[in-house]
Amino acid sequence: MEPIKLDPMDLIVTLSDLTSHKSFKYFTLLVGFKEVFAWLDVHVIVYSLEDEAPAWYANVFDCERSEKKIEALGALKTKVIFGEPRQIAYSYLFLYQGERRLLWMKRINYENLVKVCKTVIQARSEEISKKFEKLVDIPKSLW
């Protein structure tokens, strides 16, 4: 019997920058969950409005500058600061299973990362149950 193949899951994090103190706090939280995400087979992607991530960020998670993707997620806002328009990315968490959005969190904190993990476990359990039923080929009359 072949192992059950699970649909890919992505945790997408949107941030305005990667060098501020606030972003550092978010990355520290995410790094604390790194092993859990690996165990749950969740790929973490960080989208930012900055060009380059500090070296240790890039070694831990996939970091990418993408204003278009942040805008497509609905996490981009234009603010006028000192008379000049400026793009701001909200700090959001998005959990996707394939193309389907499972979760959208408007705050990055410990409690919400725990909710992300619980949602992954629940979705994985449902997915495995559905695939398991297809693997077992026993006539219903024998149940």
Foldseek 3Di string as FASTA:
>chain_A
DDDDDFFAKEKEWEFADQPDPVNVVLVVLVVVCLVVCVVLRYAYEYEYCDCDHPPVSVVRHHYHHDPPVLVVVVQWDWDQDPNRTDIGGQGKIWMDRHPRTDDIGRDRDNVVVVVVSVSSVVVVVVVCVVVVVVVDDDDPVVD
